[in-house]
Amino acid sequence: MKPTKAKELRNMEVEELTARLKVLKAQIRDARFKRKLGQLEDKNLIRYYKREIARVLTVLREKGVKL
């Protein structure tokens, strides 16, 4: 997967960012569950999701949104 650029995230609306955050949190939860079951093929997927979540949270904080 290719990481989302911060510039692209800054162009998104707050509603879009919060929706993306919700999706990413669900994806990381599922990836962690699959890892425990031994079904996760890409071991770097969890790291990717964590960094994407951090990018989205950073942009939301820059926009002054409290979560």
PDB file of N, CA and C in Angstrom:
ATOM      1  N   MET A   1       0.841  -1.178   0.000  1.00  0.00           N
ATOM      2  CA  MET A   1       0.000   0.000   0.000  1.00  0.00           C
ATOM      3  C   MET A   1       0.882   1.237   0.000  1.00  0.00           C
ATOM      4  N   LYS A   2       0.390   2.238  -0.635  1.00  0.00           N
ATOM      5  CA  LYS A   2       1.125   3.486  -0.733  1.00  0.00           C
ATOM      6  C   LYS A   2       0.605   4.466   0.326  1.00  0.00           C
ATOM      7  N   PRO A   3       1.482   5.068   1.110  1.00  0.00           N
ATOM      8  CA  PRO A   3       1.020   6.003   2.138  1.00  0.00           C
ATOM      9  C   PRO A   3       0.392   7.255   1.539  1.00  0.00           C
ATOM     10  N   THR A   4      -0.594   7.769   2.228  1.00  0.00           N
ATOM     11  CA  THR A   4      -1.261   8.988   1.808  1.00  0.00           C
ATOM     12  C   THR A   4      -0.375  10.176   2.146  1.00  0.00           C
ATOM     13  N   LYS A   5      -0.252  11.082   1.221  1.00  0.00           N
ATOM     14  CA  LYS A   5       0.559  12.279   1.442  1.00  0.00           C
ATOM     15  C   LYS A   5      -0.180  13.221   2.380  1.00  0.00           C
ATOM     16  N   ALA A   6       0.572  13.911   3.220  1.00  0.00           N
ATOM     17  CA  ALA A   6      -0.019  14.860   4.154  1.00  0.00           C
ATOM     18  C   ALA A   6      -0.714  15.989   3.395  1.00  0.00           C
ATOM     19  N   LYS A   7      -0.178  16.344   2.247  1.00  0.00           N
ATOM     20  CA  LYS A   7      -0.774  17.401   1.432  1.00  0.00           C
ATOM     21  C   LYS A   7      -2.187  17.014   0.983  1.00  0.00           C
ATOM     22  N   GLU A   8      -2.355  15.745   0.612  1.00  0.00           N
ATOM     23  CA  GLU A   8      -3.680  15.251   0.214  1.00  0.00           C
ATOM     24  C   GLU A   8      -4.638  15.286   1.396  1.00  0.00           C
ATOM     25  N   LEU A   9      -4.139  14.904   2.570  1.00  0.00           N
ATOM     26  CA  LEU A   9      -4.986  14.897   3.761  1.00  0.00           C
ATOM     27  C   LEU A   9      -5.402  16.311   4.153  1.00  0.00           C
ATOM     28  N   ARG A  10      -4.502  17.268   3.980  1.00  0.00           N
ATOM     29  CA  ARG A  10      -4.822  18.651   4.348  1.00  0.00           C
ATOM     30  C   ARG A  10      -5.899  19.240   3.442  1.00  0.00           C
ATOM     31  N   ASN A  11      -6.044  18.705   2.240  1.00  0.00           N
ATOM     32  CA  ASN A  11      -7.071  19.179   1.315  1.00  0.00           C
ATOM     33  C   ASN A  11      -8.440  18.577   1.602  1.00  0.00           C
ATOM     34  N   MET A  12      -8.490  17.569   2.463  1.00  0.00           N
ATOM     35  CA  MET A  12      -9.761  16.906   2.781  1.00  0.00           C
ATOM     36  C   MET A  12     -10.516  17.694   3.857  1.00  0.00           C
ATOM     37  N   GLU A  13     -11.833  17.519   3.856  1.00  0.00           N
ATOM     38  CA  GLU A  13     -12.677  18.140   4.872  1.00  0.00           C
ATOM     39  C   GLU A  13     -12.574  17.356   6.180  1.00  0.00           C
ATOM     40  N   VAL A  14     -12.967  17.982   7.271  1.00  0.00           N
ATOM     41  CA  VAL A  14     -12.888  17.363   8.594  1.00  0.00           C
ATOM     42  C   VAL A  14     -13.752  16.096   8.641  1.00  0.00           C
ATOM     43  N   GLU A  15     -14.929  16.134   8.031  1.00  0.00           N
ATOM     44  CA  GLU A  15     -15.818  14.970   8.028  1.00  0.00           C
ATOM     45  C   GLU A  15     -15.175  13.792   7.303  1.00  0.00           C
ATOM     46  N   GLU A  16     -14.493  14.086   6.195  1.00  0.00           N
ATOM     47  CA  GLU A  16     -13.816  13.032   5.439  1.00  0.00           C
ATOM     48  C   GLU A  16     -12.671  12.428   6.262  1.00  0.00           C
ATOM     49  N   LEU A  17     -11.956  13.278   6.971  1.00  0.00           N
ATOM     50  CA  LEU A  17     -10.840  12.801   7.779  1.00  0.00           C
ATOM     51  C   LEU A  17     -11.314  11.935   8.939  1.00  0.00           C
ATOM     52  N   THR A  18     -12.399  12.347   9.586  1.00  0.00           N
ATOM     53  CA  THR A  18     -12.912  11.547  10.700  1.00  0.00           C
ATOM     54  C   THR A  18     -13.451  10.207  10.196  1.00  0.00           C
ATOM     55  N   ALA A  19     -14.064  10.207   9.021  1.00  0.00           N
ATOM     56  CA  ALA A  19     -14.545   8.952   8.439  1.00  0.00           C
ATOM     57  C   ALA A  19     -13.361   8.051   8.093  1.00  0.00           C
ATOM     58  N   ARG A  20     -12.308   8.633   7.538  1.00  0.00           N
ATOM     59  CA  ARG A  20     -11.103   7.864   7.203  1.00  0.00           C
ATOM     60  C   ARG A  20     -10.465   7.299   8.470  1.00  0.00           C
ATOM     61  N   LEU A  21     -10.454   8.082   9.530  1.00  0.00           N
ATOM     62  CA  LEU A  21      -9.901   7.625  10.801  1.00  0.00           C
ATOM     63  C   LEU A  21     -10.679   6.422  11.333  1.00  0.00           C
ATOM     64  N   LYS A  22     -11.984   6.490  11.242  1.00  0.00           N
ATOM     65  CA  LYS A  22     -12.831   5.397  11.711  1.00  0.00           C
ATOM     66  C   LYS A  22     -12.545   4.114  10.918  1.00  0.00           C
ATOM     67  N   VAL A  23     -12.401   4.254   9.592  1.00  0.00           N
ATOM     68  CA  VAL A  23     -12.109   3.098   8.740  1.00  0.00           C
ATOM     69  C   VAL A  23     -10.742   2.510   9.068  1.00  0.00           C
ATOM     70  N   LEU A  24      -9.750   3.379   9.242  1.00  0.00           N
ATOM     71  CA  LEU A  24      -8.404   2.912   9.555  1.00  0.00           C
ATOM     72  C   LEU A  24      -8.355   2.188  10.895  1.00  0.00           C
ATOM     73  N   LYS A  25      -9.089   2.690  11.878  1.00  0.00           N
ATOM     74  CA  LYS A  25      -9.111   2.026  13.183  1.00  0.00           C
ATOM     75  C   LYS A  25      -9.755   0.648  13.083  1.00  0.00           C
ATOM     76  N   ALA A  26     -10.780   0.526  12.258  1.00  0.00           N
ATOM     77  CA  ALA A  26     -11.411  -0.782  12.050  1.00  0.00           C
ATOM     78  C   ALA A  26     -10.453  -1.732  11.333  1.00  0.00           C
ATOM     79  N   GLN A  27      -9.720  -1.213  10.361  1.00  0.00           N
ATOM     80  CA  GLN A  27      -8.775  -2.041   9.622  1.00  0.00           C
ATOM     81  C   GLN A  27      -7.634  -2.523  10.505  1.00  0.00           C
ATOM     82  N   ILE A  28      -7.123  -1.658  11.369  1.00  0.00           N
ATOM     83  CA  ILE A  28      -6.025  -2.087  12.245  1.00  0.00           C
ATOM     84  C   ILE A  28      -6.531  -3.094  13.271  1.00  0.00           C
ATOM     85  N   ARG A  29      -7.759  -2.928  13.722  1.00  0.00           N
ATOM     86  CA  ARG A  29      -8.342  -3.900  14.658  1.00  0.00           C
ATOM     87  C   ARG A  29      -8.445  -5.269  13.989  1.00  0.00           C
ATOM     88  N   ASP A  30      -8.920  -5.290  12.744  1.00  0.00           N
ATOM     89  CA  ASP A  30      -9.045  -6.551  12.015  1.00  0.00           C
ATOM     90  C   ASP A  30      -7.675  -7.180  11.750  1.00  0.00           C
ATOM     91  N   ALA A  31      -6.682  -6.337  11.413  1.00  0.00           N
ATOM     92  CA  ALA A  31      -5.343  -6.846  11.143  1.00  0.00           C
ATOM     93  C   ALA A  31      -4.734  -7.450  12.404  1.00  0.00           C
ATOM     94  N   ARG A  32      -4.948  -6.821  13.543  1.00  0.00           N
ATOM     95  CA  ARG A  32      -4.428  -7.363  14.796  1.00  0.00           C
ATOM     96  C   ARG A  32      -5.091  -8.690  15.146  1.00  0.00           C
ATOM     97  N   PHE A  33      -6.383  -8.772  14.874  1.00  0.00           N
ATOM     98  CA  PHE A  33      -7.118 -10.010  15.120  1.00  0.00           C
ATOM     99  C   PHE A  33      -6.581 -11.126  14.213  1.00  0.00           C
ATOM    100  N   LYS A  34      -6.362 -10.808  12.936  1.00  0.00           N
ATOM    101  CA  LYS A  34      -5.823 -11.803  12.004  1.00  0.00           C
ATOM    102  C   LYS A  34      -4.410 -12.232  12.393  1.00  0.00           C
ATOM    103  N   ARG A  35      -3.631 -11.280  12.922  1.00  0.00           N
ATOM    104  CA  ARG A  35      -2.278 -11.624  13.359  1.00  0.00           C
ATOM    105  C   ARG A  35      -2.323 -12.649  14.491  1.00  0.00           C
ATOM    106  N   LYS A  36      -3.260 -12.456  15.418  1.00  0.00           N
ATOM    107  CA  LYS A  36      -3.387 -13.397  16.530  1.00  0.00           C
ATOM    108  C   LYS A  36      -3.803 -14.785  16.049  1.00  0.00           C
ATOM    109  N   LEU A  37      -4.624 -14.818  14.994  1.00  0.00           N
ATOM    110  CA  LEU A  37      -5.059 -16.102  14.442  1.00  0.00           C
ATOM    111  C   LEU A  37      -4.021 -16.710  13.505  1.00  0.00           C
ATOM    112  N   GLY A  38      -2.999 -15.941  13.161  1.00  0.00           N
ATOM    113  CA  GLY A  38      -1.976 -16.427  12.252  1.00  0.00           C
ATOM    114  C   GLY A  38      -2.367 -16.321  10.790  1.00  0.00           C
ATOM    115  N   GLN A  39      -3.343 -15.487  10.470  1.00  0.00           N
ATOM    116  CA  GLN A  39      -3.834 -15.360   9.105  1.00  0.00           C
ATOM    117  C   GLN A  39      -3.326 -14.109   8.401  1.00  0.00           C
ATOM    118  N   LEU A  40      -2.581 -13.279   9.090  1.00  0.00           N
ATOM    119  CA  LEU A  40      -2.085 -12.043   8.497  1.00  0.00           C
ATOM    120  C   LEU A  40      -0.852 -12.342   7.660  1.00  0.00           C
ATOM    121  N   GLU A  41      -0.948 -12.077   6.352  1.00  0.00           N
ATOM    122  CA  GLU A  41       0.155 -12.390   5.460  1.00  0.00           C
ATOM    123  C   GLU A  41       1.199 -11.272   5.425  1.00  0.00           C
ATOM    124  N   ASP A  42       0.751 -10.031   5.403  1.00  0.00           N
ATOM    125  CA  ASP A  42       1.670  -8.901   5.337  1.00  0.00           C
ATOM    126  C   ASP A  42       1.898  -8.370   6.749  1.00  0.00           C
ATOM    127  N   LYS A  43       3.055  -8.664   7.299  1.00  0.00           N
ATOM    128  CA  LYS A  43       3.358  -8.284   8.677  1.00  0.00           C
ATOM    129  C   LYS A  43       3.502  -6.776   8.848  1.00  0.00           C
ATOM    130  N   ASN A  44       3.790  -6.057   7.773  1.00  0.00           N
ATOM    131  CA  ASN A  44       3.958  -4.607   7.853  1.00  0.00           C
ATOM    132  C   ASN A  44       2.640  -3.845   7.777  1.00  0.00           C
ATOM    133  N   LEU A  45       1.540  -4.545   7.611  1.00  0.00           N
ATOM    134  CA  LEU A  45       0.242  -3.903   7.461  1.00  0.00           C
ATOM    135  C   LEU A  45      -0.155  -3.121   8.715  1.00  0.00           C
ATOM    136  N   ILE A  46       0.105  -3.683   9.872  1.00  0.00           N
ATOM    137  CA  ILE A  46      -0.248  -3.004  11.123  1.00  0.00           C
ATOM    138  C   ILE A  46       0.563  -1.717  11.262  1.00  0.00           C
ATOM    139  N   ARG A  47       1.834  -1.792  10.915  1.00  0.00           N
ATOM    140  CA  ARG A  47       2.686  -0.603  10.962  1.00  0.00           C
ATOM    141  C   ARG A  47       2.163   0.472  10.008  1.00  0.00           C
ATOM    142  N   TYR A  48       1.736   0.069   8.814  1.00  0.00           N
ATOM    143  CA  TYR A  48       1.181   0.999   7.833  1.00  0.00           C
ATOM    144  C   TYR A  48      -0.063   1.694   8.393  1.00  0.00           C
ATOM    145  N   TYR A  49      -0.973   0.913   8.978  1.00  0.00           N
ATOM    146  CA  TYR A  49      -2.203   1.490   9.527  1.00  0.00           C
ATOM    147  C   TYR A  49      -1.907   2.446  10.672  1.00  0.00           C
ATOM    148  N   LYS A  50      -0.953   2.094  11.541  1.00  0.00           N
ATOM    149  CA  LYS A  50      -0.607   2.972  12.654  1.00  0.00           C
ATOM    150  C   LYS A  50      -0.091   4.313  12.151  1.00  0.00           C
ATOM    151  N   ARG A  51       0.729   4.280  11.125  1.00  0.00           N
ATOM    152  CA  ARG A  51       1.282   5.525  10.586  1.00  0.00           C
ATOM    153  C   ARG A  51       0.229   6.348   9.857  1.00  0.00           C
ATOM    154  N   GLU A  52      -0.683   5.679   9.167  1.00  0.00           N
ATOM    155  CA  GLU A  52      -1.769   6.399   8.500  1.00  0.00           C
ATOM    156  C   GLU A  52      -2.668   7.085   9.535  1.00  0.00           C
ATOM    157  N   ILE A  53      -2.959   6.379  10.621  1.00  0.00           N
ATOM    158  CA  ILE A  53      -3.776   6.957  11.693  1.00  0.00           C
ATOM    159  C   ILE A  53      -3.063   8.181  12.267  1.00  0.00           C
ATOM    160  N   ALA A  54      -1.764   8.078  12.461  1.00  0.00           N
ATOM    161  CA  ALA A  54      -0.996   9.207  13.001  1.00  0.00           C
ATOM    162  C   ALA A  54      -1.053  10.396  12.044  1.00  0.00           C
ATOM    163  N   ARG A  55      -0.963  10.137  10.743  1.00  0.00           N
ATOM    164  CA  ARG A  55      -1.042  11.234   9.765  1.00  0.00           C
ATOM    165  C   ARG A  55      -2.400  11.926   9.825  1.00  0.00           C
ATOM    166  N   VAL A  56      -3.456  11.131   9.881  1.00  0.00           N
ATOM    167  CA  VAL A  56      -4.807  11.706   9.914  1.00  0.00           C
ATOM    168  C   VAL A  56      -5.006  12.505  11.200  1.00  0.00           C
ATOM    169  N   LEU A  57      -4.567  11.964  12.327  1.00  0.00           N
ATOM    170  CA  LEU A  57      -4.707  12.673  13.595  1.00  0.00           C
ATOM    171  C   LEU A  57      -3.913  13.978  13.600  1.00  0.00           C
ATOM    172  N   THR A  58      -2.743  13.961  12.998  1.00  0.00           N
ATOM    173  CA  THR A  58      -1.926  15.175  12.929  1.00  0.00           C
ATOM    174  C   THR A  58      -2.644  16.265  12.151  1.00  0.00           C
ATOM    175  N   VAL A  59      -3.217  15.908  11.012  1.00  0.00           N
ATOM    176  CA  VAL A  59      -3.924  16.894  10.194  1.00  0.00           C
ATOM    177  C   VAL A  59      -5.169  17.388  10.919  1.00  0.00           C
ATOM    178  N   LEU A  60      -5.873  16.496  11.597  1.00  0.00           N
ATOM    179  CA  LEU A  60      -7.059  16.918  12.350  1.00  0.00           C
ATOM    180  C   LEU A  60      -6.672  17.896  13.458  1.00  0.00           C
ATOM    181  N   ARG A  61      -5.569  17.639  14.117  1.00  0.00           N
ATOM    182  CA  ARG A  61      -5.125  18.547  15.183  1.00  0.00           C
ATOM    183  C   ARG A  61      -4.674  19.887  14.610  1.00  0.00           C
ATOM    184  N   GLU A  62      -4.083  19.852  13.426  1.00  0.00           N
ATOM    185  CA  GLU A  62      -3.702  21.104  12.775  1.00  0.00           C
ATOM    186  C   GLU A  62      -4.931  21.943  12.457  1.00  0.00           C
ATOM    187  N   LYS A  63      -6.030  21.276  12.148  1.00  0.00           N
ATOM    188  CA  LYS A  63      -7.266  21.976  11.825  1.00  0.00           C
ATOM    189  C   LYS A  63      -8.028  22.385  13.084  1.00  0.00           C
ATOM    190  N   GLY A  64      -7.522  21.983  14.248  1.00  0.00           N
ATOM    191  CA  GLY A  64      -8.119  22.402  15.502  1.00  0.00           C
ATOM    192  C   GLY A  64      -9.255  21.532  15.978  1.00  0.00           C
ATOM    193  N   VAL A  65      -9.310  20.290  15.524  1.00  0.00           N
ATOM    194  CA  VAL A  65     -10.365  19.362  15.913  1.00  0.00           C
ATOM    195  C   VAL A  65      -9.915  18.581  17.134  1.00  0.00           C
ATOM    196  N   LYS A  66     -10.748  18.554  18.157  1.00  0.00           N
ATOM    197  CA  LYS A  66     -10.462  17.768  19.362  1.00  0.00           C
ATOM    198  C   LYS A  66     -11.200  16.443  19.251  1.00  0.00           C
ATOM    199  N   LEU A  67     -10.467  15.354  19.503  1.00  0.00           N
ATOM    200  CA  LEU A  67     -11.090  14.029  19.465  1.00  0.00           C
ATOM    201  C   LEU A  67     -11.061  13.377  20.817  1.00  0.00           C
TER     202      LEU A  67
END
